[in-house]
Amino acid sequence: MKPLVDEWGALEQEIFTPEEIAASDLRVAIIGELIKARNEHGVSQKKLEAMSGVKQPIIARMEKGSTSPQLDTILKVLAPLGKTLYVGDLPGVSSQS
């Protein structure tokens, strides 16, 4: 029997474009870093609300992945945790002039 992860990977590639998969993976990575930073600083969602001005229910929905937050919201939440986003080259993608 194939592991469920392998089956999902095959199904995911049939349903979604590579760009959609990459965008989803990026969202997961960003939110994962947010959760990690919050936990490392020992900050509750409620405390992060006070630090960032972003309401706790929005932070909770972001962390659960049930919302797709705007860039400014992500930046507001990351900043008090000493984090930010930056733009860099994607691995394996050559830039075109």
N, C-alpha and C. Protein backbone atom coordinates (compact mmCIF):
# COMPACT_ATOMS: atom_id res chain seq x y z
N MET A 1 0.84 -1.19 0.00
CA MET A 1 0.00 0.00 0.00
C MET A 1 0.88 1.25 0.00
N LYS A 2 0.58 2.20 -0.87
CA LYS A 2 1.34 3.43 -0.97
C LYS A 2 1.04 4.33 0.23
N PRO A 3 2.06 5.04 0.70
CA PRO A 3 1.79 6.02 1.77
C PRO A 3 0.83 7.10 1.26
N LEU A 4 0.00 7.59 2.15
CA LEU A 4 -0.99 8.60 1.80
C LEU A 4 -0.32 9.86 1.24
N VAL A 5 0.87 10.20 1.75
CA VAL A 5 1.58 11.39 1.28
C VAL A 5 1.90 11.25 -0.21
N ASP A 6 2.35 10.06 -0.64
CA ASP A 6 2.65 9.84 -2.05
C ASP A 6 1.39 9.97 -2.90
N GLU A 7 0.30 9.43 -2.42
CA GLU A 7 -0.96 9.52 -3.16
C GLU A 7 -1.42 10.97 -3.28
N TRP A 8 -1.29 11.75 -2.19
CA TRP A 8 -1.69 13.14 -2.24
C TRP A 8 -0.80 13.90 -3.22
N GLY A 9 0.50 13.64 -3.19
CA GLY A 9 1.41 14.32 -4.11
C GLY A 9 1.03 14.10 -5.56
N ALA A 10 0.67 12.89 -5.91
CA ALA A 10 0.27 12.59 -7.28
C ALA A 10 -1.05 13.28 -7.62
N LEU A 11 -2.00 13.24 -6.70
CA LEU A 11 -3.29 13.89 -6.92
C LEU A 11 -3.12 15.40 -7.02
N GLU A 12 -2.29 15.96 -6.15
CA GLU A 12 -2.04 17.40 -6.14
C GLU A 12 -1.52 17.86 -7.50
N GLN A 13 -0.62 17.08 -8.09
CA GLN A 13 -0.05 17.46 -9.39
C GLN A 13 -1.07 17.35 -10.52
N GLU A 14 -2.06 16.51 -10.36
CA GLU A 14 -3.11 16.40 -11.37
C GLU A 14 -4.09 17.57 -11.28
N ILE A 15 -4.34 18.05 -10.07
CA ILE A 15 -5.36 19.07 -9.83
C ILE A 15 -4.81 20.49 -9.98
N PHE A 16 -3.62 20.72 -9.45
CA PHE A 16 -3.07 22.07 -9.37
C PHE A 16 -1.92 22.27 -10.34
N THR A 17 -1.76 23.50 -10.79
CA THR A 17 -0.62 23.84 -11.64
C THR A 17 0.64 23.94 -10.76
N PRO A 18 1.81 23.85 -11.37
CA PRO A 18 3.04 24.03 -10.57
C PRO A 18 3.08 25.39 -9.87
N GLU A 19 2.53 26.41 -10.50
CA GLU A 19 2.51 27.74 -9.89
C GLU A 19 1.62 27.77 -8.65
N GLU A 20 0.47 27.09 -8.73
CA GLU A 20 -0.44 27.02 -7.58
C GLU A 20 0.19 26.25 -6.43
N ILE A 21 0.88 25.18 -6.76
CA ILE A 21 1.56 24.39 -5.73
C ILE A 21 2.66 25.22 -5.08
N ALA A 22 3.44 25.94 -5.88
CA ALA A 22 4.51 26.79 -5.35
C ALA A 22 3.95 27.89 -4.45
N ALA A 23 2.84 28.50 -4.85
CA ALA A 23 2.22 29.55 -4.04
C ALA A 23 1.73 28.98 -2.71
N SER A 24 1.13 27.81 -2.74
CA SER A 24 0.66 27.17 -1.53
C SER A 24 1.83 26.81 -0.61
N ASP A 25 2.89 26.27 -1.19
CA ASP A 25 4.07 25.92 -0.39
C ASP A 25 4.67 27.17 0.26
N LEU A 26 4.68 28.29 -0.46
CA LEU A 26 5.20 29.53 0.09
C LEU A 26 4.35 30.02 1.25
N ARG A 27 3.02 29.98 1.09
CA ARG A 27 2.13 30.38 2.20
C ARG A 27 2.38 29.52 3.42
N VAL A 28 2.50 28.22 3.22
CA VAL A 28 2.75 27.30 4.34
C VAL A 28 4.08 27.63 5.02
N ALA A 29 5.10 27.91 4.24
CA ALA A 29 6.42 28.23 4.80
C ALA A 29 6.38 29.53 5.60
N ILE A 30 5.70 30.55 5.08
CA ILE A 30 5.61 31.83 5.78
C ILE A 30 4.87 31.67 7.10
N ILE A 31 3.73 31.01 7.07
CA ILE A 31 2.95 30.83 8.29
C ILE A 31 3.71 29.93 9.28
N GLY A 32 4.42 28.93 8.76
CA GLY A 32 5.24 28.09 9.63
C GLY A 32 6.30 28.89 10.36
N GLU A 33 6.93 29.83 9.65
CA GLU A 33 7.93 30.70 10.28
C GLU A 33 7.29 31.63 11.31
N LEU A 34 6.10 32.12 11.01
CA LEU A 34 5.38 32.96 11.96
C LEU A 34 5.11 32.20 13.25
N ILE A 35 4.58 30.99 13.13
CA ILE A 35 4.27 30.17 14.31
C ILE A 35 5.54 29.86 15.09
N LYS A 36 6.59 29.49 14.38
CA LYS A 36 7.87 29.17 15.01
C LYS A 36 8.41 30.38 15.79
N ALA A 37 8.40 31.56 15.16
CA ALA A 37 8.90 32.76 15.82
C ALA A 37 8.05 33.11 17.04
N ARG A 38 6.75 32.98 16.90
CA ARG A 38 5.86 33.30 18.03
C ARG A 38 6.14 32.37 19.20
N ASN A 39 6.30 31.08 18.91
CA ASN A 39 6.58 30.12 19.97
C ASN A 39 7.96 30.33 20.58
N GLU A 40 8.96 30.65 19.75
CA GLU A 40 10.32 30.89 20.27
C GLU A 40 10.36 32.09 21.21
N HIS A 41 9.51 33.10 20.93
CA HIS A 41 9.46 34.28 21.78
C HIS A 41 8.50 34.11 22.95
N GLY A 42 7.80 32.98 23.00
CA GLY A 42 6.85 32.74 24.08
C GLY A 42 5.69 33.72 24.07
N VAL A 43 5.26 34.08 22.87
CA VAL A 43 4.20 35.08 22.70
C VAL A 43 2.90 34.37 22.33
N SER A 44 1.85 34.65 23.08
CA SER A 44 0.53 34.11 22.74
C SER A 44 -0.04 34.90 21.57
N GLN A 45 -1.08 34.35 20.97
CA GLN A 45 -1.76 35.08 19.90
C GLN A 45 -2.33 36.39 20.43
N LYS A 46 -2.85 36.38 21.63
CA LYS A 46 -3.42 37.59 22.23
C LYS A 46 -2.34 38.64 22.45
N LYS A 47 -1.17 38.22 22.93
CA LYS A 47 -0.06 39.15 23.13
C LYS A 47 0.42 39.70 21.78
N LEU A 48 0.45 38.84 20.76
CA LEU A 48 0.85 39.28 19.43
C LEU A 48 -0.15 40.30 18.87
N GLU A 49 -1.41 40.15 19.22
CA GLU A 49 -2.42 41.15 18.85
C GLU A 49 -2.03 42.52 19.40
N ALA A 50 -1.66 42.55 20.68
CA ALA A 50 -1.28 43.81 21.32
C ALA A 50 0.00 44.39 20.70
N MET A 51 0.90 43.52 20.32
CA MET A 51 2.19 43.96 19.75
C MET A 51 2.05 44.45 18.31
N SER A 52 1.13 43.83 17.55
CA SER A 52 1.07 44.07 16.11
C SER A 52 -0.12 44.92 15.67
N GLY A 53 -1.18 44.93 16.48
CA GLY A 53 -2.40 45.62 16.07
C GLY A 53 -3.31 44.75 15.21
N VAL A 54 -2.90 43.51 14.95
CA VAL A 54 -3.71 42.56 14.18
C VAL A 54 -4.53 41.75 15.18
N LYS A 55 -5.83 41.72 15.00
CA LYS A 55 -6.72 41.04 15.94
C LYS A 55 -6.39 39.55 16.07
N GLN A 56 -6.52 39.03 17.29
CA GLN A 56 -6.19 37.63 17.58
C GLN A 56 -6.95 36.65 16.71
N PRO A 57 -8.25 36.84 16.44
CA PRO A 57 -8.94 35.88 15.58
C PRO A 57 -8.33 35.82 14.16
N ILE A 58 -7.83 36.95 13.68
CA ILE A 58 -7.18 36.96 12.36
C ILE A 58 -5.88 36.18 12.42
N ILE A 59 -5.11 36.37 13.50
CA ILE A 59 -3.87 35.62 13.68
C ILE A 59 -4.17 34.13 13.74
N ALA A 60 -5.21 33.76 14.47
CA ALA A 60 -5.60 32.35 14.57
C ALA A 60 -5.96 31.78 13.20
N ARG A 61 -6.73 32.52 12.42
CA ARG A 61 -7.11 32.04 11.07
C ARG A 61 -5.89 31.94 10.16
N MET A 62 -4.95 32.88 10.30
CA MET A 62 -3.72 32.81 9.53
C MET A 62 -2.96 31.53 9.86
N GLU A 63 -2.83 31.26 11.15
CA GLU A 63 -2.06 30.09 11.59
C GLU A 63 -2.74 28.78 11.21
N LYS A 64 -4.06 28.77 11.16
CA LYS A 64 -4.78 27.55 10.74
C LYS A 64 -4.79 27.38 9.24
N GLY A 65 -4.47 28.46 8.52
CA GLY A 65 -4.48 28.39 7.06
C GLY A 65 -5.85 28.56 6.46
N SER A 66 -6.78 29.09 7.26
CA SER A 66 -8.14 29.24 6.75
C SER A 66 -8.38 30.60 6.12
N THR A 67 -7.33 31.40 6.00
CA THR A 67 -7.43 32.69 5.35
C THR A 67 -6.16 32.94 4.56
N SER A 68 -6.25 33.79 3.59
CA SER A 68 -5.08 34.19 2.82
C SER A 68 -4.85 35.67 3.10
N PRO A 69 -4.01 35.96 4.10
CA PRO A 69 -3.86 37.34 4.54
C PRO A 69 -3.14 38.21 3.51
N GLN A 70 -3.41 39.50 3.58
CA GLN A 70 -2.73 40.45 2.72
C GLN A 70 -1.30 40.63 3.21
N LEU A 71 -0.45 41.08 2.32
CA LEU A 71 0.96 41.24 2.62
C LEU A 71 1.19 42.17 3.81
N ASP A 72 0.46 43.27 3.88
CA ASP A 72 0.67 44.21 4.99
C ASP A 72 0.30 43.58 6.33
N THR A 73 -0.67 42.70 6.35
CA THR A 73 -1.05 42.00 7.58
C THR A 73 0.06 41.07 8.03
N ILE A 74 0.64 40.34 7.09
CA ILE A 74 1.75 39.44 7.42
C ILE A 74 2.92 40.24 7.97
N LEU A 75 3.24 41.35 7.33
CA LEU A 75 4.36 42.18 7.79
C LEU A 75 4.11 42.75 9.18
N LYS A 76 2.87 43.16 9.47
CA LYS A 76 2.52 43.69 10.79
C LYS A 76 2.73 42.65 11.88
N VAL A 77 2.44 41.40 11.56
CA VAL A 77 2.54 40.32 12.55
C VAL A 77 3.99 39.88 12.71
N LEU A 78 4.75 39.86 11.63
CA LEU A 78 6.13 39.42 11.69
C LEU A 78 7.06 40.42 12.39
N ALA A 79 6.84 41.71 12.16
CA ALA A 79 7.76 42.74 12.66
C ALA A 79 8.01 42.67 14.18
N PRO A 80 6.97 42.56 15.01
CA PRO A 80 7.23 42.51 16.45
C PRO A 80 7.99 41.25 16.89
N LEU A 81 8.03 40.26 16.01
CA LEU A 81 8.75 39.02 16.31
C LEU A 81 10.18 39.06 15.75
N GLY A 82 10.56 40.22 15.21
CA GLY A 82 11.90 40.37 14.67
C GLY A 82 12.08 39.73 13.30
N LYS A 83 10.99 39.55 12.59
CA LYS A 83 11.02 38.90 11.27
C LYS A 83 10.49 39.84 10.20
N THR A 84 10.88 39.58 8.97
CA THR A 84 10.34 40.30 7.82
C THR A 84 10.41 39.38 6.62
N LEU A 85 9.91 39.85 5.50
CA LEU A 85 10.00 39.11 4.24
C LEU A 85 11.01 39.82 3.35
N TYR A 86 11.64 39.07 2.48
CA TYR A 86 12.49 39.69 1.48
C TYR A 86 12.32 38.95 0.17
N VAL A 87 12.67 39.63 -0.90
CA VAL A 87 12.53 39.04 -2.23
C VAL A 87 13.89 38.52 -2.65
N GLY A 88 13.92 37.29 -3.13
CA GLY A 88 15.16 36.67 -3.60
C GLY A 88 14.87 35.79 -4.79
N ASP A 89 15.92 35.30 -5.37
CA ASP A 89 15.78 34.41 -6.53
C ASP A 89 15.24 33.06 -6.09
N LEU A 90 14.37 32.50 -6.90
CA LEU A 90 13.87 31.16 -6.67
C LEU A 90 14.94 30.16 -7.09
N PRO A 91 15.15 29.12 -6.32
CA PRO A 91 16.12 28.11 -6.71
C PRO A 91 15.70 27.44 -8.02
N GLY A 92 16.64 27.29 -8.93
CA GLY A 92 16.36 26.59 -10.17
C GLY A 92 15.66 27.41 -11.23
N VAL A 93 15.44 28.70 -10.95
CA VAL A 93 14.78 29.56 -11.92
C VAL A 93 15.79 30.63 -12.34
N SER A 94 16.09 30.66 -13.63
CA SER A 94 17.04 31.67 -14.10
C SER A 94 16.30 32.96 -14.40
N SER A 95 16.94 34.07 -14.08
CA SER A 95 16.31 35.36 -14.39
C SER A 95 16.55 35.69 -15.85
N GLN A 96 15.55 36.30 -16.46
CA GLN A 96 15.65 36.64 -17.89
C GLN A 96 15.79 38.13 -18.05
N SER A 97 16.66 38.55 -18.94
CA SER A 97 16.87 39.98 -19.18
C SER A 97 16.08 40.46 -20.36
